N, C-alpha and C. Protein backbone atom coordinates (compact mmCIF):
# COMPACT_ATOMS: atom_id res chain seq x y z
N MET A 1 -1.42 78.92 -26.95
CA MET A 1 -2.77 78.69 -26.49
C MET A 1 -2.76 78.56 -24.95
N THR A 2 -3.61 79.31 -24.27
CA THR A 2 -3.67 79.25 -22.82
C THR A 2 -4.36 77.98 -22.40
N ALA A 3 -4.20 77.63 -21.09
CA ALA A 3 -4.84 76.41 -20.56
C ALA A 3 -6.33 76.49 -20.69
N ARG A 4 -6.92 77.69 -20.40
CA ARG A 4 -8.35 77.87 -20.49
C ARG A 4 -8.85 77.68 -21.90
N SER A 5 -8.15 78.28 -22.90
CA SER A 5 -8.62 78.16 -24.27
C SER A 5 -8.46 76.72 -24.79
N GLY A 6 -7.40 76.03 -24.27
CA GLY A 6 -7.20 74.63 -24.64
C GLY A 6 -8.35 73.74 -24.15
N VAL A 7 -8.81 73.97 -22.95
CA VAL A 7 -9.95 73.21 -22.42
C VAL A 7 -11.18 73.57 -23.17
N LEU A 8 -11.38 74.83 -23.49
CA LEU A 8 -12.56 75.26 -24.25
C LEU A 8 -12.61 74.59 -25.61
N SER A 9 -11.44 74.54 -26.28
CA SER A 9 -11.37 73.86 -27.59
C SER A 9 -11.75 72.41 -27.50
N LEU A 10 -11.27 71.73 -26.47
CA LEU A 10 -11.63 70.34 -26.25
C LEU A 10 -13.12 70.16 -26.06
N LEU A 11 -13.68 71.02 -25.26
CA LEU A 11 -15.13 70.94 -24.96
C LEU A 11 -15.98 71.20 -26.19
N VAL A 12 -15.62 72.24 -26.91
CA VAL A 12 -16.41 72.60 -28.09
C VAL A 12 -16.35 71.48 -29.12
N THR A 13 -15.17 70.95 -29.38
CA THR A 13 -15.03 69.84 -30.32
C THR A 13 -15.83 68.63 -29.88
N ALA A 14 -15.74 68.34 -28.56
CA ALA A 14 -16.48 67.15 -28.07
C ALA A 14 -17.96 67.31 -28.22
N PHE A 15 -18.46 68.50 -27.97
CA PHE A 15 -19.97 68.69 -28.07
C PHE A 15 -20.40 68.73 -29.51
N VAL A 16 -19.54 69.19 -30.44
CA VAL A 16 -19.84 69.15 -31.84
C VAL A 16 -19.97 67.66 -32.26
N LEU A 17 -19.04 66.84 -31.85
CA LEU A 17 -19.10 65.43 -32.19
C LEU A 17 -20.31 64.75 -31.55
N LEU A 18 -20.64 65.10 -30.33
CA LEU A 18 -21.83 64.52 -29.69
C LEU A 18 -23.11 64.96 -30.43
N ALA A 19 -23.14 66.20 -30.90
CA ALA A 19 -24.28 66.63 -31.68
C ALA A 19 -24.40 65.85 -32.97
N ALA A 20 -23.27 65.64 -33.66
CA ALA A 20 -23.27 64.86 -34.91
C ALA A 20 -23.70 63.43 -34.62
N PHE A 21 -23.19 62.88 -33.52
CA PHE A 21 -23.59 61.50 -33.12
C PHE A 21 -25.09 61.42 -32.88
N TRP A 22 -25.64 62.39 -32.18
CA TRP A 22 -27.06 62.37 -31.86
C TRP A 22 -27.91 62.54 -33.13
N TRP A 23 -27.51 63.47 -34.00
CA TRP A 23 -28.24 63.67 -35.23
C TRP A 23 -28.21 62.40 -36.07
N LEU A 24 -27.08 61.76 -36.19
CA LEU A 24 -26.96 60.57 -37.02
C LEU A 24 -27.85 59.47 -36.47
N GLY A 25 -27.88 59.30 -35.15
CA GLY A 25 -28.74 58.30 -34.53
C GLY A 25 -30.17 58.54 -34.85
N LEU A 26 -30.64 59.75 -34.78
CA LEU A 26 -32.01 60.09 -35.06
C LEU A 26 -32.31 59.82 -36.54
N TYR A 27 -31.36 60.18 -37.41
CA TYR A 27 -31.55 60.05 -38.86
C TYR A 27 -31.73 58.57 -39.24
N VAL A 28 -30.78 57.72 -38.79
CA VAL A 28 -30.81 56.33 -39.23
C VAL A 28 -31.97 55.57 -38.64
N THR A 29 -32.41 55.92 -37.42
CA THR A 29 -33.56 55.20 -36.88
C THR A 29 -34.83 55.58 -37.62
N LYS A 30 -34.87 56.73 -38.23
CA LYS A 30 -36.07 57.16 -38.98
C LYS A 30 -35.99 56.81 -40.48
N HIS A 31 -34.83 56.97 -41.08
CA HIS A 31 -34.71 56.84 -42.53
C HIS A 31 -33.96 55.58 -42.96
N GLY A 32 -33.25 54.92 -42.05
CA GLY A 32 -32.45 53.79 -42.39
C GLY A 32 -31.08 54.15 -42.94
N GLU A 33 -30.35 53.15 -43.42
CA GLU A 33 -29.00 53.42 -43.90
C GLU A 33 -29.03 54.18 -45.22
N PRO A 34 -28.24 55.23 -45.39
CA PRO A 34 -28.16 55.89 -46.69
C PRO A 34 -27.76 54.89 -47.80
N PRO A 35 -28.36 55.00 -48.96
CA PRO A 35 -28.12 53.98 -50.02
C PRO A 35 -26.62 53.81 -50.38
N ALA A 36 -25.89 54.90 -50.46
CA ALA A 36 -24.49 54.80 -50.84
C ALA A 36 -23.70 54.01 -49.80
N LEU A 37 -23.99 54.22 -48.51
CA LEU A 37 -23.31 53.51 -47.43
C LEU A 37 -23.75 52.03 -47.40
N TRP A 38 -25.00 51.77 -47.76
CA TRP A 38 -25.45 50.38 -47.80
C TRP A 38 -24.77 49.62 -48.93
N VAL A 39 -24.56 50.25 -50.06
CA VAL A 39 -23.78 49.63 -51.11
C VAL A 39 -22.37 49.32 -50.66
N PHE A 40 -21.75 50.25 -49.96
CA PHE A 40 -20.45 50.01 -49.40
C PHE A 40 -20.44 48.89 -48.40
N ALA A 41 -21.44 48.80 -47.55
CA ALA A 41 -21.55 47.72 -46.57
C ALA A 41 -21.58 46.37 -47.26
N GLN A 42 -22.35 46.30 -48.33
CA GLN A 42 -22.47 45.03 -49.05
C GLN A 42 -21.17 44.63 -49.75
N ALA A 43 -20.42 45.63 -50.18
CA ALA A 43 -19.17 45.38 -50.84
C ALA A 43 -18.11 44.84 -49.83
N VAL A 44 -18.16 45.33 -48.61
CA VAL A 44 -17.19 44.97 -47.61
C VAL A 44 -17.53 43.62 -46.97
N ARG A 45 -18.79 43.29 -46.89
CA ARG A 45 -19.25 42.09 -46.19
C ARG A 45 -18.63 40.84 -46.76
N GLY A 46 -18.14 39.96 -45.88
CA GLY A 46 -17.65 38.65 -46.20
C GLY A 46 -16.22 38.57 -46.65
N HIS A 47 -15.48 39.68 -46.63
CA HIS A 47 -14.08 39.65 -47.02
C HIS A 47 -13.21 39.41 -45.76
N GLY A 48 -12.31 38.41 -45.85
CA GLY A 48 -11.39 38.16 -44.74
C GLY A 48 -12.15 37.83 -43.44
N VAL A 49 -13.14 36.96 -43.53
CA VAL A 49 -14.03 36.75 -42.42
C VAL A 49 -13.29 36.33 -41.13
N TRP A 50 -12.35 35.41 -41.27
CA TRP A 50 -11.70 34.91 -40.01
C TRP A 50 -10.70 35.89 -39.47
N VAL A 51 -10.10 36.74 -40.31
CA VAL A 51 -9.30 37.80 -39.85
C VAL A 51 -10.17 38.86 -39.13
N ALA A 52 -11.30 39.13 -39.73
CA ALA A 52 -12.26 40.01 -39.10
C ALA A 52 -12.72 39.51 -37.73
N TRP A 53 -12.92 38.21 -37.66
CA TRP A 53 -13.35 37.62 -36.41
C TRP A 53 -12.30 37.81 -35.31
N ALA A 54 -11.05 37.68 -35.68
CA ALA A 54 -9.94 37.92 -34.75
C ALA A 54 -9.92 39.35 -34.28
N PHE A 55 -10.09 40.28 -35.19
CA PHE A 55 -10.13 41.68 -34.79
C PHE A 55 -11.34 41.97 -33.87
N THR A 56 -12.49 41.38 -34.21
CA THR A 56 -13.69 41.60 -33.40
C THR A 56 -13.47 41.11 -31.98
N ASN A 57 -12.81 39.99 -31.80
CA ASN A 57 -12.53 39.45 -30.46
C ASN A 57 -11.65 40.40 -29.65
N ALA A 58 -10.83 41.20 -30.31
CA ALA A 58 -10.02 42.19 -29.60
C ALA A 58 -10.84 43.32 -29.00
N GLY A 59 -12.13 43.42 -29.31
CA GLY A 59 -13.00 44.40 -28.77
C GLY A 59 -13.97 43.87 -27.74
N TRP A 60 -13.73 42.61 -27.30
CA TRP A 60 -14.60 42.01 -26.26
C TRP A 60 -13.87 41.89 -24.97
N PRO A 61 -14.58 41.68 -23.87
CA PRO A 61 -14.00 41.69 -22.51
C PRO A 61 -12.87 40.70 -22.33
N ALA A 62 -12.88 39.56 -22.98
CA ALA A 62 -11.84 38.57 -22.81
C ALA A 62 -10.45 39.11 -23.14
N VAL A 63 -10.42 40.04 -24.09
CA VAL A 63 -9.12 40.68 -24.45
C VAL A 63 -8.94 42.02 -23.73
N LEU A 64 -10.05 42.80 -23.67
CA LEU A 64 -9.91 44.14 -23.07
C LEU A 64 -9.73 44.07 -21.57
N GLY A 65 -10.30 43.07 -20.90
CA GLY A 65 -10.15 42.96 -19.46
C GLY A 65 -8.69 42.89 -19.00
N PRO A 66 -7.88 41.97 -19.57
CA PRO A 66 -6.45 41.95 -19.20
C PRO A 66 -5.71 43.21 -19.57
N LEU A 67 -6.13 43.85 -20.67
CA LEU A 67 -5.44 45.12 -21.04
C LEU A 67 -5.76 46.21 -20.06
N TYR A 68 -7.01 46.30 -19.59
CA TYR A 68 -7.36 47.26 -18.59
C TYR A 68 -6.57 46.97 -17.30
N ALA A 69 -6.48 45.68 -16.92
CA ALA A 69 -5.75 45.31 -15.72
C ALA A 69 -4.28 45.73 -15.83
N ALA A 70 -3.69 45.59 -17.05
CA ALA A 70 -2.32 46.00 -17.23
C ALA A 70 -2.18 47.53 -17.05
N CYS A 71 -3.15 48.25 -17.55
CA CYS A 71 -3.13 49.72 -17.36
C CYS A 71 -3.27 50.12 -15.90
N ILE A 72 -4.10 49.39 -15.19
CA ILE A 72 -4.21 49.66 -13.75
C ILE A 72 -2.91 49.36 -13.00
N ALA A 73 -2.23 48.29 -13.43
CA ALA A 73 -0.93 47.95 -12.83
C ALA A 73 0.07 49.09 -13.13
N VAL A 74 0.04 49.61 -14.31
CA VAL A 74 0.90 50.73 -14.65
C VAL A 74 0.58 51.93 -13.77
N ALA A 75 -0.68 52.16 -13.57
CA ALA A 75 -1.10 53.30 -12.71
C ALA A 75 -0.59 53.14 -11.30
N ILE A 76 -0.51 51.91 -10.81
CA ILE A 76 -0.11 51.65 -9.42
C ILE A 76 1.40 51.75 -9.27
N PHE A 77 2.11 51.18 -10.24
CA PHE A 77 3.56 50.99 -10.06
C PHE A 77 4.45 51.99 -10.83
N VAL A 78 3.89 52.68 -11.80
CA VAL A 78 4.65 53.60 -12.63
C VAL A 78 4.07 55.00 -12.46
N ARG A 79 4.51 55.73 -11.48
CA ARG A 79 3.85 56.98 -11.10
C ARG A 79 3.81 58.00 -12.21
N PRO A 80 4.85 58.19 -13.01
CA PRO A 80 4.74 59.21 -14.09
C PRO A 80 3.67 58.92 -15.11
N TRP A 81 3.23 57.69 -15.23
CA TRP A 81 2.24 57.34 -16.21
C TRP A 81 0.86 57.15 -15.59
N ARG A 82 0.74 57.49 -14.29
CA ARG A 82 -0.53 57.17 -13.56
C ARG A 82 -1.70 57.90 -14.14
N VAL A 83 -1.56 59.20 -14.43
CA VAL A 83 -2.67 60.01 -14.94
C VAL A 83 -3.15 59.43 -16.28
N ARG A 84 -2.21 59.14 -17.15
CA ARG A 84 -2.59 58.66 -18.48
C ARG A 84 -3.28 57.29 -18.43
N ALA A 85 -2.72 56.37 -17.55
CA ALA A 85 -3.30 55.07 -17.44
C ALA A 85 -4.72 55.09 -16.90
N VAL A 86 -4.92 55.90 -15.85
CA VAL A 86 -6.26 55.99 -15.26
C VAL A 86 -7.21 56.65 -16.27
N TYR A 87 -6.76 57.70 -16.93
CA TYR A 87 -7.57 58.40 -17.95
C TYR A 87 -7.99 57.43 -19.05
N LEU A 88 -7.07 56.61 -19.53
CA LEU A 88 -7.31 55.71 -20.64
C LEU A 88 -8.39 54.68 -20.24
N VAL A 89 -8.22 54.04 -19.13
CA VAL A 89 -9.17 53.00 -18.68
C VAL A 89 -10.52 53.62 -18.39
N SER A 90 -10.53 54.79 -17.76
CA SER A 90 -11.79 55.47 -17.40
C SER A 90 -12.61 55.81 -18.64
N VAL A 91 -11.92 56.38 -19.66
CA VAL A 91 -12.64 56.74 -20.89
C VAL A 91 -13.19 55.50 -21.56
N ALA A 92 -12.37 54.44 -21.62
CA ALA A 92 -12.84 53.21 -22.25
C ALA A 92 -14.07 52.62 -21.56
N LEU A 93 -14.05 52.63 -20.26
CA LEU A 93 -15.19 52.07 -19.50
C LEU A 93 -16.45 52.96 -19.65
N VAL A 94 -16.23 54.27 -19.65
CA VAL A 94 -17.38 55.17 -19.85
C VAL A 94 -17.95 54.96 -21.29
N ALA A 95 -17.06 54.82 -22.25
CA ALA A 95 -17.53 54.57 -23.65
C ALA A 95 -18.36 53.28 -23.71
N TRP A 96 -17.91 52.27 -22.99
CA TRP A 96 -18.65 50.98 -22.97
C TRP A 96 -20.05 51.21 -22.45
N GLY A 97 -20.13 51.87 -21.31
CA GLY A 97 -21.45 52.11 -20.70
C GLY A 97 -22.36 53.01 -21.55
N CYS A 98 -21.77 54.05 -22.11
CA CYS A 98 -22.52 54.98 -22.95
C CYS A 98 -23.03 54.30 -24.23
N ALA A 99 -22.16 53.52 -24.84
CA ALA A 99 -22.59 52.84 -26.07
C ALA A 99 -23.76 51.90 -25.77
N ASP A 100 -23.71 51.20 -24.66
CA ASP A 100 -24.76 50.30 -24.32
C ASP A 100 -26.07 51.05 -24.05
N ALA A 101 -25.95 52.16 -23.35
CA ALA A 101 -27.15 52.96 -23.05
C ALA A 101 -27.78 53.56 -24.30
N PHE A 102 -26.93 54.06 -25.17
CA PHE A 102 -27.43 54.68 -26.44
C PHE A 102 -28.02 53.63 -27.36
N GLN A 103 -27.48 52.43 -27.36
CA GLN A 103 -28.08 51.37 -28.16
C GLN A 103 -29.52 51.12 -27.73
N ARG A 104 -29.74 51.08 -26.40
CA ARG A 104 -31.10 50.88 -25.87
C ARG A 104 -32.00 52.07 -26.24
N LEU A 105 -31.41 53.24 -26.22
CA LEU A 105 -32.20 54.46 -26.48
C LEU A 105 -32.66 54.52 -27.94
N PHE A 106 -31.71 54.31 -28.86
CA PHE A 106 -32.06 54.42 -30.29
C PHE A 106 -32.76 53.15 -30.78
N ALA A 107 -32.46 52.02 -30.17
CA ALA A 107 -33.15 50.75 -30.45
C ALA A 107 -33.20 50.41 -31.97
N ARG A 108 -32.10 50.57 -32.64
CA ARG A 108 -32.03 50.26 -34.06
C ARG A 108 -31.76 48.77 -34.21
N PRO A 109 -32.59 48.03 -34.96
CA PRO A 109 -32.39 46.58 -35.11
C PRO A 109 -31.09 46.27 -35.83
N ARG A 110 -30.54 45.11 -35.50
CA ARG A 110 -29.32 44.64 -36.17
C ARG A 110 -29.56 44.24 -37.61
N ARG A 111 -28.47 44.16 -38.36
CA ARG A 111 -28.55 43.64 -39.71
C ARG A 111 -28.94 42.18 -39.68
N LEU A 112 -29.60 41.75 -40.72
CA LEU A 112 -30.04 40.34 -40.82
C LEU A 112 -29.10 39.46 -41.65
N ASP A 113 -28.10 40.08 -42.26
CA ASP A 113 -27.15 39.33 -43.12
C ASP A 113 -25.82 39.03 -42.38
N TRP A 114 -25.91 38.88 -41.09
CA TRP A 114 -24.74 38.68 -40.24
C TRP A 114 -23.99 37.40 -40.60
N LEU A 115 -22.69 37.41 -40.20
CA LEU A 115 -21.82 36.23 -40.43
C LEU A 115 -21.22 35.78 -39.09
N ILE A 116 -21.08 34.49 -38.94
CA ILE A 116 -20.43 33.82 -37.80
C ILE A 116 -21.28 33.91 -36.52
N ARG A 117 -21.58 35.13 -36.02
CA ARG A 117 -22.26 35.26 -34.77
C ARG A 117 -23.39 36.28 -34.89
N HIS A 118 -24.58 35.87 -34.48
CA HIS A 118 -25.72 36.77 -34.46
C HIS A 118 -25.75 37.52 -33.10
N GLU A 119 -25.46 38.79 -33.13
CA GLU A 119 -25.48 39.59 -31.91
C GLU A 119 -26.86 40.23 -31.77
N HIS A 120 -27.44 40.08 -30.58
CA HIS A 120 -28.80 40.48 -30.38
C HIS A 120 -28.99 41.87 -29.76
N ALA A 121 -27.92 42.53 -29.33
CA ALA A 121 -28.01 43.89 -28.82
C ALA A 121 -28.41 44.80 -29.99
N PHE A 122 -28.93 45.95 -29.65
CA PHE A 122 -29.30 46.92 -30.71
C PHE A 122 -28.04 47.41 -31.43
N SER A 123 -28.23 48.11 -32.55
CA SER A 123 -27.19 48.32 -33.49
C SER A 123 -26.44 49.67 -33.42
N TYR A 124 -27.18 50.75 -33.10
CA TYR A 124 -26.57 52.10 -33.09
C TYR A 124 -26.39 52.61 -31.69
N PRO A 125 -25.18 53.03 -31.33
CA PRO A 125 -23.91 53.00 -32.09
C PRO A 125 -23.21 51.66 -31.88
N SER A 126 -22.21 51.37 -32.71
CA SER A 126 -21.38 50.20 -32.52
C SER A 126 -20.57 50.35 -31.25
N SER A 127 -20.82 49.44 -30.31
CA SER A 127 -19.99 49.51 -29.05
C SER A 127 -18.53 49.14 -29.32
N HIS A 128 -18.30 48.25 -30.31
CA HIS A 128 -16.89 47.95 -30.68
C HIS A 128 -16.21 49.24 -31.17
N ALA A 129 -16.92 50.01 -32.00
CA ALA A 129 -16.27 51.24 -32.49
C ALA A 129 -16.03 52.24 -31.36
N ALA A 130 -16.99 52.41 -30.48
CA ALA A 130 -16.84 53.36 -29.40
C ALA A 130 -15.71 52.97 -28.46
N ILE A 131 -15.70 51.68 -28.06
CA ILE A 131 -14.70 51.23 -27.09
C ILE A 131 -13.30 51.20 -27.72
N SER A 132 -13.18 50.68 -28.93
CA SER A 132 -11.87 50.60 -29.59
C SER A 132 -11.29 51.99 -29.83
N THR A 133 -12.16 52.95 -30.12
CA THR A 133 -11.71 54.35 -30.31
C THR A 133 -11.24 54.91 -28.96
N ALA A 134 -12.01 54.64 -27.90
CA ALA A 134 -11.70 55.17 -26.58
C ALA A 134 -10.51 54.46 -25.94
N PHE A 135 -10.14 53.30 -26.44
CA PHE A 135 -8.99 52.57 -25.89
C PHE A 135 -7.81 52.48 -26.84
N TYR A 136 -7.94 51.79 -27.92
CA TYR A 136 -6.81 51.58 -28.83
C TYR A 136 -6.35 52.85 -29.49
N PHE A 137 -7.31 53.60 -30.04
CA PHE A 137 -6.97 54.85 -30.69
C PHE A 137 -6.38 55.84 -29.67
N LEU A 138 -7.04 55.98 -28.52
CA LEU A 138 -6.55 56.93 -27.51
C LEU A 138 -5.18 56.50 -26.96
N ALA A 139 -4.99 55.23 -26.78
CA ALA A 139 -3.66 54.72 -26.31
C ALA A 139 -2.61 55.06 -27.38
N ALA A 140 -2.92 54.92 -28.63
CA ALA A 140 -1.99 55.25 -29.68
C ALA A 140 -1.56 56.74 -29.62
N VAL A 141 -2.54 57.64 -29.38
CA VAL A 141 -2.26 59.07 -29.30
C VAL A 141 -1.42 59.38 -28.11
N LEU A 142 -1.77 58.74 -26.96
CA LEU A 142 -1.00 59.00 -25.72
C LEU A 142 0.45 58.55 -25.88
N LEU A 143 0.67 57.42 -26.44
CA LEU A 143 2.05 56.92 -26.63
C LEU A 143 2.79 57.77 -27.60
N LEU A 144 2.13 58.20 -28.67
CA LEU A 144 2.81 59.04 -29.66
C LEU A 144 3.23 60.37 -29.04
N ARG A 145 2.45 60.88 -28.12
CA ARG A 145 2.76 62.17 -27.50
C ARG A 145 3.69 62.05 -26.28
N SER A 146 4.07 60.82 -25.92
CA SER A 146 4.96 60.68 -24.77
C SER A 146 6.38 60.97 -25.18
N GLU A 147 7.29 60.82 -24.18
CA GLU A 147 8.70 61.07 -24.44
C GLU A 147 9.50 59.79 -24.41
N LEU A 148 8.84 58.71 -24.76
CA LEU A 148 9.61 57.48 -24.97
C LEU A 148 10.46 57.63 -26.18
N ARG A 149 11.34 56.64 -26.42
CA ARG A 149 12.20 56.69 -27.60
C ARG A 149 11.37 56.72 -28.85
N PRO A 150 11.82 57.45 -29.86
CA PRO A 150 10.97 57.61 -31.08
C PRO A 150 10.53 56.30 -31.68
N TRP A 151 11.40 55.33 -31.78
CA TRP A 151 11.01 54.05 -32.40
C TRP A 151 9.92 53.36 -31.65
N ILE A 152 9.95 53.45 -30.33
CA ILE A 152 8.88 52.87 -29.46
C ILE A 152 7.57 53.62 -29.72
N ARG A 153 7.61 54.93 -29.73
CA ARG A 153 6.41 55.69 -29.95
C ARG A 153 5.78 55.43 -31.31
N TYR A 154 6.62 55.44 -32.33
CA TYR A 154 6.06 55.29 -33.72
C TYR A 154 5.56 53.81 -33.94
N CYS A 155 6.30 52.85 -33.45
CA CYS A 155 5.86 51.45 -33.65
C CYS A 155 4.58 51.20 -32.85
N SER A 156 4.52 51.68 -31.62
CA SER A 156 3.31 51.48 -30.82
C SER A 156 2.14 52.17 -31.42
N PHE A 157 2.33 53.36 -31.95
CA PHE A 157 1.26 54.10 -32.59
C PHE A 157 0.75 53.32 -33.83
N ALA A 158 1.66 52.82 -34.66
CA ALA A 158 1.23 52.09 -35.86
C ALA A 158 0.49 50.82 -35.51
N ILE A 159 0.96 50.08 -34.52
CA ILE A 159 0.28 48.85 -34.14
C ILE A 159 -1.10 49.13 -33.59
N LEU A 160 -1.22 50.10 -32.68
CA LEU A 160 -2.55 50.40 -32.08
C LEU A 160 -3.52 50.96 -33.10
N ILE A 161 -3.04 51.80 -33.98
CA ILE A 161 -3.92 52.33 -35.03
C ILE A 161 -4.41 51.22 -35.93
N ALA A 162 -3.50 50.29 -36.27
CA ALA A 162 -3.90 49.17 -37.12
C ALA A 162 -4.92 48.31 -36.41
N MET A 163 -4.77 48.13 -35.11
CA MET A 163 -5.73 47.35 -34.35
C MET A 163 -7.09 48.07 -34.32
N TRP A 164 -7.07 49.36 -34.13
CA TRP A 164 -8.32 50.17 -34.08
C TRP A 164 -9.05 50.06 -35.47
N LEU A 165 -8.32 50.33 -36.51
CA LEU A 165 -8.93 50.29 -37.84
C LEU A 165 -9.40 48.88 -38.20
N GLY A 166 -8.64 47.87 -37.73
CA GLY A 166 -9.06 46.50 -37.98
C GLY A 166 -10.37 46.14 -37.33
N ILE A 167 -10.54 46.64 -36.10
CA ILE A 167 -11.82 46.39 -35.38
C ILE A 167 -12.95 47.08 -36.10
N LEU A 168 -12.76 48.32 -36.50
CA LEU A 168 -13.84 49.03 -37.23
C LEU A 168 -14.22 48.26 -38.50
N TRP A 169 -13.21 47.84 -39.23
CA TRP A 169 -13.45 47.12 -40.49
C TRP A 169 -14.16 45.77 -40.23
N SER A 170 -13.79 45.11 -39.13
CA SER A 170 -14.33 43.81 -38.84
C SER A 170 -15.81 43.82 -38.61
N ARG A 171 -16.36 44.92 -38.05
CA ARG A 171 -17.79 44.95 -37.80
C ARG A 171 -18.59 45.05 -39.09
N LEU A 172 -17.98 45.56 -40.17
CA LEU A 172 -18.63 45.58 -41.44
C LEU A 172 -18.39 44.28 -42.22
N ALA A 173 -17.20 43.75 -42.11
CA ALA A 173 -16.91 42.50 -42.81
C ALA A 173 -17.74 41.37 -42.31
N LEU A 174 -18.09 41.38 -41.02
CA LEU A 174 -18.92 40.36 -40.41
C LEU A 174 -20.42 40.71 -40.48
N ALA A 175 -20.72 41.87 -41.09
CA ALA A 175 -22.09 42.35 -41.16
C ALA A 175 -22.74 42.45 -39.81
N ALA A 176 -21.97 42.81 -38.80
CA ALA A 176 -22.51 42.97 -37.45
C ALA A 176 -23.10 44.34 -37.27
N HIS A 177 -22.67 45.30 -38.09
CA HIS A 177 -23.18 46.67 -38.00
C HIS A 177 -23.30 47.33 -39.37
N TYR A 178 -24.10 48.39 -39.41
CA TYR A 178 -24.12 49.25 -40.56
C TYR A 178 -22.95 50.24 -40.47
N PRO A 179 -22.55 50.79 -41.60
CA PRO A 179 -21.48 51.79 -41.57
C PRO A 179 -21.78 52.98 -40.64
N THR A 180 -23.04 53.41 -40.62
CA THR A 180 -23.39 54.52 -39.75
C THR A 180 -23.23 54.18 -38.26
N ASP A 181 -23.40 52.90 -37.91
CA ASP A 181 -23.20 52.48 -36.55
C ASP A 181 -21.74 52.68 -36.16
N VAL A 182 -20.87 52.31 -37.09
CA VAL A 182 -19.39 52.43 -36.83
C VAL A 182 -19.00 53.91 -36.78
N ILE A 183 -19.57 54.72 -37.68
CA ILE A 183 -19.30 56.17 -37.68
C ILE A 183 -19.74 56.76 -36.36
N GLY A 184 -20.97 56.46 -35.95
CA GLY A 184 -21.51 56.98 -34.71
C GLY A 184 -20.71 56.52 -33.51
N GLY A 185 -20.32 55.29 -33.46
CA GLY A 185 -19.50 54.81 -32.33
C GLY A 185 -18.15 55.50 -32.24
N THR A 186 -17.56 55.78 -33.43
CA THR A 186 -16.28 56.43 -33.47
C THR A 186 -16.45 57.90 -32.95
N CYS A 187 -17.49 58.57 -33.42
CA CYS A 187 -17.75 59.93 -32.92
C CYS A 187 -17.93 59.96 -31.40
N LEU A 188 -18.69 58.97 -30.90
CA LEU A 188 -18.87 58.91 -29.44
C LEU A 188 -17.58 58.68 -28.71
N GLY A 189 -16.75 57.76 -29.20
CA GLY A 189 -15.47 57.47 -28.53
C GLY A 189 -14.56 58.69 -28.49
N VAL A 190 -14.44 59.38 -29.62
CA VAL A 190 -13.58 60.52 -29.67
C VAL A 190 -14.10 61.62 -28.75
N ALA A 191 -15.41 61.86 -28.80
CA ALA A 191 -16.03 62.87 -27.95
C ALA A 191 -15.74 62.63 -26.46
N LEU A 192 -15.86 61.38 -26.04
CA LEU A 192 -15.61 61.05 -24.65
C LEU A 192 -14.15 61.20 -24.27
N ALA A 193 -13.26 60.85 -25.23
CA ALA A 193 -11.84 61.09 -24.97
C ALA A 193 -11.53 62.56 -24.82
N LEU A 194 -12.14 63.39 -25.59
CA LEU A 194 -11.88 64.84 -25.47
C LEU A 194 -12.46 65.39 -24.19
N LEU A 195 -13.65 64.90 -23.75
CA LEU A 195 -14.21 65.34 -22.52
C LEU A 195 -13.34 64.93 -21.38
N GLY A 196 -12.80 63.68 -21.44
CA GLY A 196 -11.88 63.21 -20.44
C GLY A 196 -10.63 64.04 -20.37
N ALA A 197 -10.12 64.41 -21.52
CA ALA A 197 -8.90 65.22 -21.56
C ALA A 197 -9.16 66.60 -20.90
N ALA A 198 -10.35 67.18 -21.19
CA ALA A 198 -10.71 68.44 -20.61
C ALA A 198 -10.82 68.32 -19.09
N PHE A 199 -11.36 67.22 -18.62
CA PHE A 199 -11.49 66.99 -17.18
C PHE A 199 -10.10 66.88 -16.52
N VAL A 200 -9.20 66.12 -17.20
CA VAL A 200 -7.83 65.97 -16.65
C VAL A 200 -7.17 67.35 -16.51
N ARG A 201 -7.32 68.15 -17.55
CA ARG A 201 -6.69 69.47 -17.53
C ARG A 201 -7.30 70.35 -16.44
N LEU A 202 -8.61 70.32 -16.33
CA LEU A 202 -9.27 71.17 -15.33
C LEU A 202 -8.92 70.75 -13.90
N THR A 203 -8.67 69.49 -13.69
CA THR A 203 -8.28 69.00 -12.37
C THR A 203 -6.80 69.02 -12.11
N GLY A 204 -6.02 69.51 -13.06
CA GLY A 204 -4.58 69.67 -12.85
C GLY A 204 -3.73 68.48 -13.16
N GLY A 205 -4.32 67.39 -13.76
CA GLY A 205 -3.55 66.24 -14.16
C GLY A 205 -2.74 66.57 -15.41
N ARG A 206 -1.53 66.07 -15.48
CA ARG A 206 -0.67 66.34 -16.64
C ARG A 206 -0.81 65.14 -17.58
N LEU A 207 -1.63 65.33 -18.62
CA LEU A 207 -1.96 64.20 -19.53
C LEU A 207 -0.72 63.66 -20.25
N VAL A 208 0.23 64.49 -20.54
CA VAL A 208 1.42 64.03 -21.27
C VAL A 208 2.69 64.19 -20.44
N ALA A 209 2.60 63.95 -19.17
CA ALA A 209 3.76 64.01 -18.33
C ALA A 209 4.81 63.01 -18.78
N ALA A 210 6.04 63.43 -18.94
CA ALA A 210 7.07 62.57 -19.47
C ALA A 210 7.49 61.52 -18.43
N PRO A 211 7.82 60.31 -18.82
CA PRO A 211 8.30 59.29 -17.90
C PRO A 211 9.54 59.85 -17.17
N GLY A 212 9.53 59.55 -15.86
CA GLY A 212 10.66 60.02 -15.07
C GLY A 212 10.45 61.36 -14.38
N ARG A 213 9.33 62.02 -14.72
CA ARG A 213 8.96 63.28 -14.09
C ARG A 213 7.71 63.14 -13.28
N ALA A 214 7.52 64.03 -12.39
CA ALA A 214 6.34 63.97 -11.56
C ALA A 214 5.14 64.29 -12.44
N PRO A 215 3.97 63.56 -12.29
CA PRO A 215 2.80 63.78 -13.12
C PRO A 215 2.15 65.09 -12.76
């Protein structure tokens, strides 16, 4: 695959995901949650509440802020990882801003059967889903594709994927979001990661530069 076709593939996939995200947002604001997904939401609600609360906290600034700062420190002091660290933090921050903007645009009310904390922001898309996808999931992929020792790559990938899935699950267990909010947030996060990867390639950054080599 040539560099140009690789960028094109990233862009096409990203725009397909954005189209699906947009369609889903329009659908749920007009028709509400599909019955089958609402049944699923009710089945998940209330299971492992305090574990879910811990996962939810991992998607808020008190946890993400220090992690972003650590990535910035890596970008400053570990040159071979600079592109990846900046890319990761940038995509996560853009996902945060986009999720907030789209919540205001679609203005879908929150669920009324919430547990522990009543969040007053609009519901679609889930900002937790968008940000955790753009940070934890993307970090897992970047580490898996690096040239660190295999056990480090695989363990890091497993931990980060578990964190990402835990956060997605927590929003349903706490009844903070509808399933479609989580699906939409995930689509948005992946789309932004793909757009970011296309930008990195177009600007000459080496997304998977191996440690110890020039980026």
